[in-house]
Amino acid sequence: MLRSQDSDPNSLLPLPEATFHILMAVAGEDRHGYAIIQDVAARTDGSLKLSPGTLYRSIQRMLEQGLLEETNERPAPDQDDERRRYYRITEFGRETAKAETRRLTNLVRLAKASGLAPGRA
């Protein structure tokens, strides 16, 4: 499935957990696959460990959906491994991650209102 220019970010919701974490991992900077795995593990205190198979299947789907793009920009040669591929969030990926964040925030608000989560609604 290739993304068309007028795709609605909400059409991809809810995002699979791995997809949302990958988008968060590349939201601030371009990263290669292993760096994404490390970022997700650190961000979740190790509760989510992406396997290489899950990561690269997710990345392939995300490239097809227009959420990510592969970039040719590389770090300094002494900090690079030419075998690595670097990924960047697209504007559509950022819009989709924001839409997913709004969806999840609304769910938490509803859970609080129902007394199923601590805090006020």
PDB file of N, CA and C in Angstrom:
ATOM      1  N   MET A   1       0.835  -1.172   0.000  1.00  0.00           N
ATOM      2  CA  MET A   1       0.000   0.000   0.000  1.00  0.00           C
ATOM      3  C   MET A   1       0.879   1.233   0.000  1.00  0.00           C
ATOM      4  N   LEU A   2       0.830   1.997  -1.044  1.00  0.00           N
ATOM      5  CA  LEU A   2       1.569   3.238  -1.095  1.00  0.00           C
ATOM      6  C   LEU A   2       0.657   4.378  -0.709  1.00  0.00           C
ATOM      7  N   ARG A   3       1.200   5.278   0.026  1.00  0.00           N
ATOM      8  CA  ARG A   3       0.440   6.414   0.514  1.00  0.00           C
ATOM      9  C   ARG A   3       0.169   7.384  -0.633  1.00  0.00           C
ATOM     10  N   SER A   4      -1.053   7.851  -0.698  1.00  0.00           N
ATOM     11  CA  SER A   4      -1.354   8.907  -1.652  1.00  0.00           C
ATOM     12  C   SER A   4      -1.157  10.246  -0.958  1.00  0.00           C
ATOM     13  N   GLN A   5      -1.048  11.293  -1.713  1.00  0.00           N
ATOM     14  CA  GLN A   5      -0.776  12.619  -1.160  1.00  0.00           C
ATOM     15  C   GLN A   5      -1.867  13.081  -0.201  1.00  0.00           C
ATOM     16  N   ASP A   6      -3.100  12.600  -0.394  1.00  0.00           N
ATOM     17  CA  ASP A   6      -4.202  13.080   0.430  1.00  0.00           C
ATOM     18  C   ASP A   6      -4.638  12.074   1.487  1.00  0.00           C
ATOM     19  N   SER A   7      -3.747  11.184   1.897  1.00  0.00           N
ATOM     20  CA  SER A   7      -4.094  10.190   2.913  1.00  0.00           C
ATOM     21  C   SER A   7      -4.409  10.865   4.242  1.00  0.00           C
ATOM     22  N   ASP A   8      -5.376  10.315   4.920  1.00  0.00           N
ATOM     23  CA  ASP A   8      -5.776  10.805   6.233  1.00  0.00           C
ATOM     24  C   ASP A   8      -4.990  10.018   7.281  1.00  0.00           C
ATOM     25  N   PRO A   9      -4.235  10.695   8.170  1.00  0.00           N
ATOM     26  CA  PRO A   9      -3.484   9.979   9.210  1.00  0.00           C
ATOM     27  C   PRO A   9      -4.380   9.070  10.049  1.00  0.00           C
ATOM     28  N   ASN A  10      -5.623   9.472  10.246  1.00  0.00           N
ATOM     29  CA  ASN A  10      -6.539   8.660  11.054  1.00  0.00           C
ATOM     30  C   ASN A  10      -6.865   7.327  10.396  1.00  0.00           C
ATOM     31  N   SER A  11      -6.638   7.207   9.083  1.00  0.00           N
ATOM     32  CA  SER A  11      -6.955   5.959   8.384  1.00  0.00           C
ATOM     33  C   SER A  11      -6.045   4.814   8.831  1.00  0.00           C
ATOM     34  N   LEU A  12      -4.909   5.124   9.451  1.00  0.00           N
ATOM     35  CA  LEU A  12      -3.973   4.075   9.890  1.00  0.00           C
ATOM     36  C   LEU A  12      -4.138   3.724  11.373  1.00  0.00           C
ATOM     37  N   LEU A  13      -5.056   4.390  12.054  1.00  0.00           N
ATOM     38  CA  LEU A  13      -5.232   4.159  13.489  1.00  0.00           C
ATOM     39  C   LEU A  13      -6.197   3.022  13.757  1.00  0.00           C
ATOM     40  N   PRO A  14      -6.001   2.319  14.854  1.00  0.00           N
ATOM     41  CA  PRO A  14      -4.914   2.434  15.818  1.00  0.00           C
ATOM     42  C   PRO A  14      -3.619   1.867  15.252  1.00  0.00           C
ATOM     43  N   LEU A  15      -2.510   2.482  15.612  1.00  0.00           N
ATOM     44  CA  LEU A  15      -1.213   1.997  15.151  1.00  0.00           C
ATOM     45  C   LEU A  15      -0.798   0.774  15.957  1.00  0.00           C
ATOM     46  N   PRO A  16      -0.134  -0.171  15.316  1.00  0.00           N
ATOM     47  CA  PRO A  16       0.482  -1.260  16.093  1.00  0.00           C
ATOM     48  C   PRO A  16       1.503  -0.658  17.067  1.00  0.00           C
ATOM     49  N   GLU A  17       1.646  -1.277  18.229  1.00  0.00           N
ATOM     50  CA  GLU A  17       2.542  -0.745  19.256  1.00  0.00           C
ATOM     51  C   GLU A  17       3.952  -0.534  18.714  1.00  0.00           C
ATOM     52  N   ALA A  18       4.469  -1.497  17.967  1.00  0.00           N
ATOM     53  CA  ALA A  18       5.832  -1.359  17.432  1.00  0.00           C
ATOM     54  C   ALA A  18       5.930  -0.149  16.503  1.00  0.00           C
ATOM     55  N   THR A  19       4.923   0.079  15.699  1.00  0.00           N
ATOM     56  CA  THR A  19       4.934   1.214  14.776  1.00  0.00           C
ATOM     57  C   THR A  19       5.000   2.534  15.536  1.00  0.00           C
ATOM     58  N   PHE A  20       4.191   2.667  16.564  1.00  0.00           N
ATOM     59  CA  PHE A  20       4.177   3.904  17.350  1.00  0.00           C
ATOM     60  C   PHE A  20       5.537   4.129  18.020  1.00  0.00           C
ATOM     61  N   HIS A  21       6.123   3.070  18.566  1.00  0.00           N
ATOM     62  CA  HIS A  21       7.436   3.213  19.210  1.00  0.00           C
ATOM     63  C   HIS A  21       8.516   3.570  18.186  1.00  0.00           C
ATOM     64  N   ILE A  22       8.453   2.994  17.017  1.00  0.00           N
ATOM     65  CA  ILE A  22       9.452   3.329  15.986  1.00  0.00           C
ATOM     66  C   ILE A  22       9.312   4.799  15.588  1.00  0.00           C
ATOM     67  N   LEU A  23       8.085   5.265  15.432  1.00  0.00           N
ATOM     68  CA  LEU A  23       7.895   6.682  15.096  1.00  0.00           C
ATOM     69  C   LEU A  23       8.448   7.583  16.190  1.00  0.00           C
ATOM     70  N   MET A  24       8.242   7.214  17.459  1.00  0.00           N
ATOM     71  CA  MET A  24       8.795   8.024  18.547  1.00  0.00           C
ATOM     72  C   MET A  24      10.325   7.992  18.513  1.00  0.00           C
ATOM     73  N   ALA A  25      10.892   6.842  18.155  1.00  0.00           N
ATOM     74  CA  ALA A  25      12.357   6.713  18.141  1.00  0.00           C
ATOM     75  C   ALA A  25      13.002   7.602  17.082  1.00  0.00           C
ATOM     76  N   VAL A  26      12.319   7.831  15.983  1.00  0.00           N
ATOM     77  CA  VAL A  26      12.912   8.638  14.901  1.00  0.00           C
ATOM     78  C   VAL A  26      12.326  10.055  14.859  1.00  0.00           C
ATOM     79  N   ALA A  27      11.479  10.395  15.811  1.00  0.00           N
ATOM     80  CA  ALA A  27      10.847  11.723  15.801  1.00  0.00           C
ATOM     81  C   ALA A  27      11.873  12.839  15.982  1.00  0.00           C
ATOM     82  N   GLY A  28      12.908  12.593  16.756  1.00  0.00           N
ATOM     83  CA  GLY A  28      13.876  13.647  17.045  1.00  0.00           C
ATOM     84  C   GLY A  28      15.126  13.610  16.201  1.00  0.00           C
ATOM     85  N   GLU A  29      15.437  12.459  15.634  1.00  0.00           N
ATOM     86  CA  GLU A  29      16.646  12.337  14.824  1.00  0.00           C
ATOM     87  C   GLU A  29      16.572  11.089  13.945  1.00  0.00           C
ATOM     88  N   ASP A  30      17.317  11.116  12.858  1.00  0.00           N
ATOM     89  CA  ASP A  30      17.408   9.943  11.990  1.00  0.00           C
ATOM     90  C   ASP A  30      18.139   8.842  12.757  1.00  0.00           C
ATOM     91  N   ARG A  31      17.698   7.615  12.569  1.00  0.00           N
ATOM     92  CA  ARG A  31      18.337   6.489  13.259  1.00  0.00           C
ATOM     93  C   ARG A  31      18.421   5.280  12.339  1.00  0.00           C
ATOM     94  N   HIS A  32      19.411   4.448  12.581  1.00  0.00           N
ATOM     95  CA  HIS A  32      19.505   3.155  11.904  1.00  0.00           C
ATOM     96  C   HIS A  32      18.787   2.115  12.760  1.00  0.00           C
ATOM     97  N   GLY A  33      18.573   0.930  12.205  1.00  0.00           N
ATOM     98  CA  GLY A  33      17.761  -0.083  12.855  1.00  0.00           C
ATOM     99  C   GLY A  33      18.184  -0.430  14.271  1.00  0.00           C
ATOM    100  N   TYR A  34      19.471  -0.686  14.465  1.00  0.00           N
ATOM    101  CA  TYR A  34      19.919  -1.073  15.804  1.00  0.00           C
ATOM    102  C   TYR A  34      19.705   0.064  16.805  1.00  0.00           C
ATOM    103  N   ALA A  35      19.912   1.303  16.363  1.00  0.00           N
ATOM    104  CA  ALA A  35      19.681   2.452  17.248  1.00  0.00           C
ATOM    105  C   ALA A  35      18.200   2.557  17.609  1.00  0.00           C
ATOM    106  N   ILE A  36      17.316   2.209  16.686  1.00  0.00           N
ATOM    107  CA  ILE A  36      15.875   2.217  16.984  1.00  0.00           C
ATOM    108  C   ILE A  36      15.574   1.167  18.053  1.00  0.00           C
ATOM    109  N   ILE A  37      16.127  -0.039  17.888  1.00  0.00           N
ATOM    110  CA  ILE A  37      15.920  -1.107  18.877  1.00  0.00           C
ATOM    111  C   ILE A  37      16.383  -0.642  20.258  1.00  0.00           C
ATOM    112  N   GLN A  38      17.561  -0.019  20.318  1.00  0.00           N
ATOM    113  CA  GLN A  38      18.103   0.452  21.599  1.00  0.00           C
ATOM    114  C   GLN A  38      17.235   1.561  22.195  1.00  0.00           C
ATOM    115  N   ASP A  39      16.773   2.484  21.362  1.00  0.00           N
ATOM    116  CA  ASP A  39      15.953   3.594  21.852  1.00  0.00           C
ATOM    117  C   ASP A  39      14.641   3.080  22.431  1.00  0.00           C
ATOM    118  N   VAL A  40      14.002   2.158  21.737  1.00  0.00           N
ATOM    119  CA  VAL A  40      12.720   1.627  22.212  1.00  0.00           C
ATOM    120  C   VAL A  40      12.925   0.889  23.540  1.00  0.00           C
ATOM    121  N   ALA A  41      13.975   0.086  23.632  1.00  0.00           N
ATOM    122  CA  ALA A  41      14.239  -0.637  24.887  1.00  0.00           C
ATOM    123  C   ALA A  41      14.491   0.346  26.027  1.00  0.00           C
ATOM    124  N   ALA A  42      15.262   1.410  25.772  1.00  0.00           N
ATOM    125  CA  ALA A  42      15.554   2.399  26.815  1.00  0.00           C
ATOM    126  C   ALA A  42      14.300   3.180  27.193  1.00  0.00           C
ATOM    127  N   ARG A  43      13.518   3.566  26.179  1.00  0.00           N
ATOM    128  CA  ARG A  43      12.303   4.362  26.423  1.00  0.00           C
ATOM    129  C   ARG A  43      11.272   3.587  27.240  1.00  0.00           C
ATOM    130  N   THR A  44      11.259   2.263  27.115  1.00  0.00           N
ATOM    131  CA  THR A  44      10.271   1.435  27.813  1.00  0.00           C
ATOM    132  C   THR A  44      10.877   0.701  29.014  1.00  0.00           C
ATOM    133  N   ASP A  45      12.071   1.113  29.425  1.00  0.00           N
ATOM    134  CA  ASP A  45      12.780   0.436  30.526  1.00  0.00           C
ATOM    135  C   ASP A  45      12.900  -1.057  30.265  1.00  0.00           C
ATOM    136  N   GLY A  46      13.067  -1.431  29.017  1.00  0.00           N
ATOM    137  CA  GLY A  46      13.280  -2.825  28.652  1.00  0.00           C
ATOM    138  C   GLY A  46      12.021  -3.661  28.548  1.00  0.00           C
ATOM    139  N   SER A  47      10.856  -3.067  28.765  1.00  0.00           N
ATOM    140  CA  SER A  47       9.629  -3.867  28.702  1.00  0.00           C
ATOM    141  C   SER A  47       9.245  -4.212  27.261  1.00  0.00           C
ATOM    142  N   LEU A  48       9.734  -3.446  26.301  1.00  0.00           N
ATOM    143  CA  LEU A  48       9.501  -3.767  24.895  1.00  0.00           C
ATOM    144  C   LEU A  48      10.843  -3.886  24.194  1.00  0.00           C
ATOM    145  N   LYS A  49      11.134  -5.085  23.750  1.00  0.00           N
ATOM    146  CA  LYS A  49      12.382  -5.339  23.025  1.00  0.00           C
ATOM    147  C   LYS A  49      11.992  -5.794  21.623  1.00  0.00           C
ATOM    148  N   LEU A  50      12.238  -4.923  20.639  1.00  0.00           N
ATOM    149  CA  LEU A  50      11.910  -5.258  19.260  1.00  0.00           C
ATOM    150  C   LEU A  50      12.937  -6.245  18.727  1.00  0.00           C
ATOM    151  N   SER A  51      12.476  -7.337  18.161  1.00  0.00           N
ATOM    152  CA  SER A  51      13.396  -8.257  17.500  1.00  0.00           C
ATOM    153  C   SER A  51      13.742  -7.665  16.140  1.00  0.00           C
ATOM    154  N   PRO A  52      14.880  -8.044  15.576  1.00  0.00           N
ATOM    155  CA  PRO A  52      15.197  -7.539  14.229  1.00  0.00           C
ATOM    156  C   PRO A  52      14.109  -7.882  13.218  1.00  0.00           C
ATOM    157  N   GLY A  53      13.504  -9.046  13.315  1.00  0.00           N
ATOM    158  CA  GLY A  53      12.442  -9.421  12.381  1.00  0.00           C
ATOM    159  C   GLY A  53      11.246  -8.491  12.479  1.00  0.00           C
ATOM    160  N   THR A  54      10.800  -8.230  13.704  1.00  0.00           N
ATOM    161  CA  THR A  54       9.677  -7.308  13.908  1.00  0.00           C
ATOM    162  C   THR A  54      10.043  -5.919  13.427  1.00  0.00           C
ATOM    163  N   LEU A  55      11.242  -5.465  13.768  1.00  0.00           N
ATOM    164  CA  LEU A  55      11.665  -4.120  13.384  1.00  0.00           C
ATOM    165  C   LEU A  55      11.662  -3.961  11.863  1.00  0.00           C
ATOM    166  N   TYR A  56      12.314  -4.850  11.155  1.00  0.00           N
ATOM    167  CA  TYR A  56      12.472  -4.646   9.711  1.00  0.00           C
ATOM    168  C   TYR A  56      11.186  -4.921   8.941  1.00  0.00           C
ATOM    169  N   ARG A  57      10.324  -5.801   9.444  1.00  0.00           N
ATOM    170  CA  ARG A  57       8.991  -5.956   8.822  1.00  0.00           C
ATOM    171  C   ARG A  57       8.176  -4.676   9.023  1.00  0.00           C
ATOM    172  N   SER A  58       8.261  -4.127  10.235  1.00  0.00           N
ATOM    173  CA  SER A  58       7.537  -2.880  10.526  1.00  0.00           C
ATOM    174  C   SER A  58       8.072  -1.737   9.673  1.00  0.00           C
ATOM    175  N   ILE A  59       9.385  -1.626   9.580  1.00  0.00           N
ATOM    176  CA  ILE A  59       9.980  -0.544   8.784  1.00  0.00           C
ATOM    177  C   ILE A  59       9.562  -0.668   7.326  1.00  0.00           C
ATOM    178  N   GLN A  60       9.578  -1.870   6.784  1.00  0.00           N
ATOM    179  CA  GLN A  60       9.183  -2.053   5.383  1.00  0.00           C
ATOM    180  C   GLN A  60       7.744  -1.582   5.165  1.00  0.00           C
ATOM    181  N   ARG A  61       6.852  -1.970   6.074  1.00  0.00           N
ATOM    182  CA  ARG A  61       5.450  -1.548   5.961  1.00  0.00           C
ATOM    183  C   ARG A  61       5.337  -0.029   6.115  1.00  0.00           C
ATOM    184  N   MET A  62       6.084   0.538   7.038  1.00  0.00           N
ATOM    185  CA  MET A  62       6.027   1.979   7.281  1.00  0.00           C
ATOM    186  C   MET A  62       6.575   2.777   6.093  1.00  0.00           C
ATOM    187  N   LEU A  63       7.582   2.233   5.418  1.00  0.00           N
ATOM    188  CA  LEU A  63       8.087   2.882   4.200  1.00  0.00           C
ATOM    189  C   LEU A  63       6.997   2.879   3.135  1.00  0.00           C
ATOM    190  N   GLU A  64       6.302   1.754   2.997  1.00  0.00           N
ATOM    191  CA  GLU A  64       5.227   1.642   2.001  1.00  0.00           C
ATOM    192  C   GLU A  64       4.057   2.567   2.326  1.00  0.00           C
ATOM    193  N   GLN A  65       3.803   2.774   3.609  1.00  0.00           N
ATOM    194  CA  GLN A  65       2.689   3.635   4.029  1.00  0.00           C
ATOM    195  C   GLN A  65       3.054   5.118   4.010  1.00  0.00           C
ATOM    196  N   GLY A  66       4.328   5.412   3.814  1.00  0.00           N
ATOM    197  CA  GLY A  66       4.765   6.804   3.791  1.00  0.00           C
ATOM    198  C   GLY A  66       5.006   7.391   5.166  1.00  0.00           C
ATOM    199  N   LEU A  67       5.127   6.546   6.197  1.00  0.00           N
ATOM    200  CA  LEU A  67       5.385   7.026   7.553  1.00  0.00           C
ATOM    201  C   LEU A  67       6.864   7.330   7.764  1.00  0.00           C
ATOM    202  N   LEU A  68       7.718   6.581   7.084  1.00  0.00           N
ATOM    203  CA  LEU A  68       9.173   6.735   7.169  1.00  0.00           C
ATOM    204  C   LEU A  68       9.741   6.882   5.774  1.00  0.00           C
ATOM    205  N   GLU A  69      10.938   7.438   5.718  1.00  0.00           N
ATOM    206  CA  GLU A  69      11.704   7.430   4.476  1.00  0.00           C
ATOM    207  C   GLU A  69      13.134   7.075   4.825  1.00  0.00           C
ATOM    208  N   GLU A  70      13.801   6.436   3.886  1.00  0.00           N
ATOM    209  CA  GLU A  70      15.213   6.138   4.071  1.00  0.00           C
ATOM    210  C   GLU A  70      15.992   7.372   3.638  1.00  0.00           C
ATOM    211  N   THR A  71      16.993   7.728   4.394  1.00  0.00           N
ATOM    212  CA  THR A  71      17.777   8.915   4.079  1.00  0.00           C
ATOM    213  C   THR A  71      19.197   8.528   3.670  1.00  0.00           C
ATOM    214  N   ASN A  72      19.767   9.323   2.807  1.00  0.00           N
ATOM    215  CA  ASN A  72      21.155   9.096   2.384  1.00  0.00           C
ATOM    216  C   ASN A  72      22.144   9.894   3.210  1.00  0.00           C
ATOM    217  N   GLU A  73      21.626  10.733   4.119  1.00  0.00           N
ATOM    218  CA  GLU A  73      22.522  11.508   4.970  1.00  0.00           C
ATOM    219  C   GLU A  73      23.193  10.562   5.949  1.00  0.00           C
ATOM    220  N   ARG A  74      24.495  10.712   6.115  1.00  0.00           N
ATOM    221  CA  ARG A  74      25.280   9.788   6.929  1.00  0.00           C
ATOM    222  C   ARG A  74      26.069  10.564   7.971  1.00  0.00           C
ATOM    223  N   PRO A  75      26.341   9.914   9.116  1.00  0.00           N
ATOM    224  CA  PRO A  75      27.216  10.553  10.101  1.00  0.00           C
ATOM    225  C   PRO A  75      28.655  10.568   9.579  1.00  0.00           C
ATOM    226  N   ALA A  76      29.539  11.178  10.348  1.00  0.00           N
ATOM    227  CA  ALA A  76      30.956  11.213   9.980  1.00  0.00           C
ATOM    228  C   ALA A  76      31.457   9.788   9.764  1.00  0.00           C
ATOM    229  N   PRO A  77      32.355   9.614   8.785  1.00  0.00           N
ATOM    230  CA  PRO A  77      32.826   8.251   8.462  1.00  0.00           C
ATOM    231  C   PRO A  77      33.354   7.468   9.654  1.00  0.00           C
ATOM    232  N   ASP A  78      33.981   8.140  10.611  1.00  0.00           N
ATOM    233  CA  ASP A  78      34.517   7.410  11.768  1.00  0.00           C
ATOM    234  C   ASP A  78      33.417   6.952  12.728  1.00  0.00           C
ATOM    235  N   GLN A  79      32.176   7.446  12.529  1.00  0.00           N
ATOM    236  CA  GLN A  79      31.044   7.049  13.377  1.00  0.00           C
ATOM    237  C   GLN A  79      30.007   6.250  12.593  1.00  0.00           C
ATOM    238  N   ASP A  80      30.367   5.848  11.389  1.00  0.00           N
ATOM    239  CA  ASP A  80      29.404   5.216  10.499  1.00  0.00           C
ATOM    240  C   ASP A  80      29.832   3.792  10.166  1.00  0.00           C
ATOM    241  N   ASP A  81      28.840   3.005   9.810  1.00  0.00           N
ATOM    242  CA  ASP A  81      29.054   1.670   9.255  1.00  0.00           C
ATOM    243  C   ASP A  81      28.286   1.689   7.941  1.00  0.00           C
ATOM    244  N   GLU A  82      28.984   1.529   6.851  1.00  0.00           N
ATOM    245  CA  GLU A  82      28.343   1.684   5.534  1.00  0.00           C
ATOM    246  C   GLU A  82      27.208   0.691   5.288  1.00  0.00           C
ATOM    247  N   ARG A  83      27.116  -0.360   6.092  1.00  0.00           N
ATOM    248  CA  ARG A  83      26.030  -1.340   5.929  1.00  0.00           C
ATOM    249  C   ARG A  83      24.711  -0.840   6.509  1.00  0.00           C
ATOM    250  N   ARG A  84      24.771   0.187   7.339  1.00  0.00           N
ATOM    251  CA  ARG A  84      23.563   0.686   8.003  1.00  0.00           C
ATOM    252  C   ARG A  84      22.690   1.481   7.037  1.00  0.00           C
ATOM    253  N   ARG A  85      21.408   1.384   7.282  1.00  0.00           N
ATOM    254  CA  ARG A  85      20.438   2.215   6.599  1.00  0.00           C
ATOM    255  C   ARG A  85      19.817   3.122   7.649  1.00  0.00           C
ATOM    256  N   TYR A  86      19.636   4.377   7.282  1.00  0.00           N
ATOM    257  CA  TYR A  86      19.092   5.362   8.221  1.00  0.00           C
ATOM    258  C   TYR A  86      17.678   5.732   7.809  1.00  0.00           C
ATOM    259  N   TYR A  87      16.831   5.915   8.821  1.00  0.00           N
ATOM    260  CA  TYR A  87      15.416   6.194   8.582  1.00  0.00           C
ATOM    261  C   TYR A  87      15.022   7.507   9.238  1.00  0.00           C
ATOM    262  N   ARG A  88      14.084   8.175   8.584  1.00  0.00           N
ATOM    263  CA  ARG A  88      13.608   9.488   9.033  1.00  0.00           C
ATOM    264  C   ARG A  88      12.083   9.469   9.003  1.00  0.00           C
ATOM    265  N   ILE A  89      11.474  10.140   9.987  1.00  0.00           N
ATOM    266  CA  ILE A  89      10.025  10.271  10.005  1.00  0.00           C
ATOM    267  C   ILE A  89       9.626  11.262   8.908  1.00  0.00           C
ATOM    268  N   THR A  90       8.551  10.973   8.224  1.00  0.00           N
ATOM    269  CA  THR A  90       8.027  11.900   7.218  1.00  0.00           C
ATOM    270  C   THR A  90       7.015  12.829   7.883  1.00  0.00           C
ATOM    271  N   GLU A  91       6.598  13.842   7.177  1.00  0.00           N
ATOM    272  CA  GLU A  91       5.561  14.728   7.720  1.00  0.00           C
ATOM    273  C   GLU A  91       4.278  13.933   7.953  1.00  0.00           C
ATOM    274  N   PHE A  92       3.965  13.021   7.029  1.00  0.00           N
ATOM    275  CA  PHE A  92       2.782  12.169   7.213  1.00  0.00           C
ATOM    276  C   PHE A  92       2.954  11.274   8.443  1.00  0.00           C
ATOM    277  N   GLY A  93       4.157  10.758   8.665  1.00  0.00           N
ATOM    278  CA  GLY A  93       4.426   9.949   9.852  1.00  0.00           C
ATOM    279  C   GLY A  93       4.243  10.757  11.131  1.00  0.00           C
ATOM    280  N   ARG A  94       4.716  12.005  11.112  1.00  0.00           N
ATOM    281  CA  ARG A  94       4.553  12.870  12.285  1.00  0.00           C
ATOM    282  C   ARG A  94       3.066  13.160  12.531  1.00  0.00           C
ATOM    283  N   GLU A  95       2.328  13.449  11.458  1.00  0.00           N
ATOM    284  CA  GLU A  95       0.887  13.709  11.604  1.00  0.00           C
ATOM    285  C   GLU A  95       0.174  12.471  12.149  1.00  0.00           C
ATOM    286  N   THR A  96       0.560  11.308  11.663  1.00  0.00           N
ATOM    287  CA  THR A  96      -0.064  10.058  12.114  1.00  0.00           C
ATOM    288  C   THR A  96       0.270   9.781  13.578  1.00  0.00           C
ATOM    289  N   ALA A  97       1.527  10.013  13.991  1.00  0.00           N
ATOM    290  CA  ALA A  97       1.909   9.815  15.402  1.00  0.00           C
ATOM    291  C   ALA A  97       1.138  10.777  16.302  1.00  0.00           C
ATOM    292  N   LYS A  98       0.953  12.010  15.851  1.00  0.00           N
ATOM    293  CA  LYS A  98       0.177  12.969  16.647  1.00  0.00           C
ATOM    294  C   LYS A  98      -1.286  12.531  16.751  1.00  0.00           C
ATOM    295  N   ALA A  99      -1.837  12.016  15.671  1.00  0.00           N
ATOM    296  CA  ALA A  99      -3.226  11.535  15.698  1.00  0.00           C
ATOM    297  C   ALA A  99      -3.355  10.345  16.658  1.00  0.00           C
ATOM    298  N   GLU A 100      -2.364   9.458  16.659  1.00  0.00           N
ATOM    299  CA  GLU A 100      -2.388   8.310  17.583  1.00  0.00           C
ATOM    300  C   GLU A 100      -2.266   8.794  19.029  1.00  0.00           C
ATOM    301  N   THR A 101      -1.435   9.794  19.266  1.00  0.00           N
ATOM    302  CA  THR A 101      -1.288  10.352  20.613  1.00  0.00           C
ATOM    303  C   THR A 101      -2.614  10.932  21.093  1.00  0.00           C
ATOM    304  N   ARG A 102      -3.304  11.657  20.219  1.00  0.00           N
ATOM    305  CA  ARG A 102      -4.617  12.216  20.598  1.00  0.00           C
ATOM    306  C   ARG A 102      -5.593  11.085  20.922  1.00  0.00           C
ATOM    307  N   ARG A 103      -5.579  10.014  20.106  1.00  0.00           N
ATOM    308  CA  ARG A 103      -6.488   8.885  20.337  1.00  0.00           C
ATOM    309  C   ARG A 103      -6.209   8.244  21.699  1.00  0.00           C
ATOM    310  N   LEU A 104      -4.927   8.014  21.998  1.00  0.00           N
ATOM    311  CA  LEU A 104      -4.567   7.380  23.271  1.00  0.00           C
ATOM    312  C   LEU A 104      -4.865   8.302  24.454  1.00  0.00           C
ATOM    313  N   THR A 105      -4.624   9.593  24.296  1.00  0.00           N
ATOM    314  CA  THR A 105      -4.923  10.557  25.362  1.00  0.00           C
ATOM    315  C   THR A 105      -6.405  10.556  25.674  1.00  0.00           C
ATOM    316  N   ASN A 106      -7.213  10.494  24.633  1.00  0.00           N
ATOM    317  CA  ASN A 106      -8.664  10.460  24.835  1.00  0.00           C
ATOM    318  C   ASN A 106      -9.085   9.179  25.563  1.00  0.00           C
ATOM    319  N   LEU A 107      -8.456   8.061  25.228  1.00  0.00           N
ATOM    320  CA  LEU A 107      -8.771   6.810  25.932  1.00  0.00           C
ATOM    321  C   LEU A 107      -8.435   6.903  27.416  1.00  0.00           C
ATOM    322  N   VAL A 108      -7.297   7.499  27.738  1.00  0.00           N
ATOM    323  CA  VAL A 108      -6.906   7.649  29.143  1.00  0.00           C
ATOM    324  C   VAL A 108      -7.900   8.569  29.858  1.00  0.00           C
ATOM    325  N   ARG A 109      -8.305   9.651  29.190  1.00  0.00           N
ATOM    326  CA  ARG A 109      -9.294  10.569  29.784  1.00  0.00           C
ATOM    327  C   ARG A 109     -10.583   9.810  30.100  1.00  0.00           C
ATOM    328  N   LEU A 110     -11.033   8.985  29.179  1.00  0.00           N
ATOM    329  CA  LEU A 110     -12.254   8.209  29.393  1.00  0.00           C
ATOM    330  C   LEU A 110     -12.073   7.186  30.520  1.00  0.00           C
ATOM    331  N   ALA A 111     -10.894   6.575  30.593  1.00  0.00           N
ATOM    332  CA  ALA A 111     -10.629   5.608  31.666  1.00  0.00           C
ATOM    333  C   ALA A 111     -10.632   6.292  33.018  1.00  0.00           C
ATOM    334  N   LYS A 112     -10.088   7.512  33.088  1.00  0.00           N
ATOM    335  CA  LYS A 112     -10.109   8.267  34.345  1.00  0.00           C
ATOM    336  C   LYS A 112     -11.540   8.608  34.728  1.00  0.00           C
ATOM    337  N   ALA A 113     -12.313   9.025  33.772  1.00  0.00           N
ATOM    338  CA  ALA A 113     -13.713   9.371  34.048  1.00  0.00           C
ATOM    339  C   ALA A 113     -14.505   8.161  34.525  1.00  0.00           C
ATOM    340  N   SER A 114     -14.094   6.974  34.129  1.00  0.00           N
ATOM    341  CA  SER A 114     -14.767   5.742  34.528  1.00  0.00           C
ATOM    342  C   SER A 114     -14.206   5.168  35.822  1.00  0.00           C
ATOM    343  N   GLY A 115     -13.183   5.832  36.387  1.00  0.00           N
ATOM    344  CA  GLY A 115     -12.571   5.337  37.612  1.00  0.00           C
ATOM    345  C   GLY A 115     -11.632   4.173  37.378  1.00  0.00           C
ATOM    346  N   LEU A 116     -11.266   3.928  36.138  1.00  0.00           N
ATOM    347  CA  LEU A 116     -10.378   2.808  35.824  1.00  0.00           C
ATOM    348  C   LEU A 116      -8.916   3.209  35.785  1.00  0.00           C
ATOM    349  N   ALA A 117      -8.645   4.494  35.896  1.00  0.00           N
ATOM    350  CA  ALA A 117      -7.259   4.984  35.900  1.00  0.00           C
ATOM    351  C   ALA A 117      -7.165   6.057  36.971  1.00  0.00           C
ATOM    352  N   PRO A 118      -6.017   6.168  37.627  1.00  0.00           N
ATOM    353  CA  PRO A 118      -5.873   7.196  38.662  1.00  0.00           C
ATOM    354  C   PRO A 118      -5.888   8.593  38.051  1.00  0.00           C
ATOM    355  N   GLY A 119      -6.277   9.544  38.858  1.00  0.00           N
ATOM    356  CA  GLY A 119      -6.283  10.929  38.410  1.00  0.00           C
ATOM    357  C   GLY A 119      -7.675  11.393  38.045  1.00  0.00           C
ATOM    358  N   ARG A 120      -7.749  12.687  37.778  1.00  0.00           N
ATOM    359  CA  ARG A 120      -9.035  13.276  37.411  1.00  0.00           C
ATOM    360  C   ARG A 120      -9.209  13.256  35.901  1.00  0.00           C
ATOM    361  N   ALA A 121     -10.437  13.213  35.473  1.00  0.00           N
ATOM    362  CA  ALA A 121     -10.742  13.223  34.038  1.00  0.00           C
ATOM    363  C   ALA A 121     -10.503  14.575  33.440  1.00  0.00           C
TER     364      ALA A 121
END
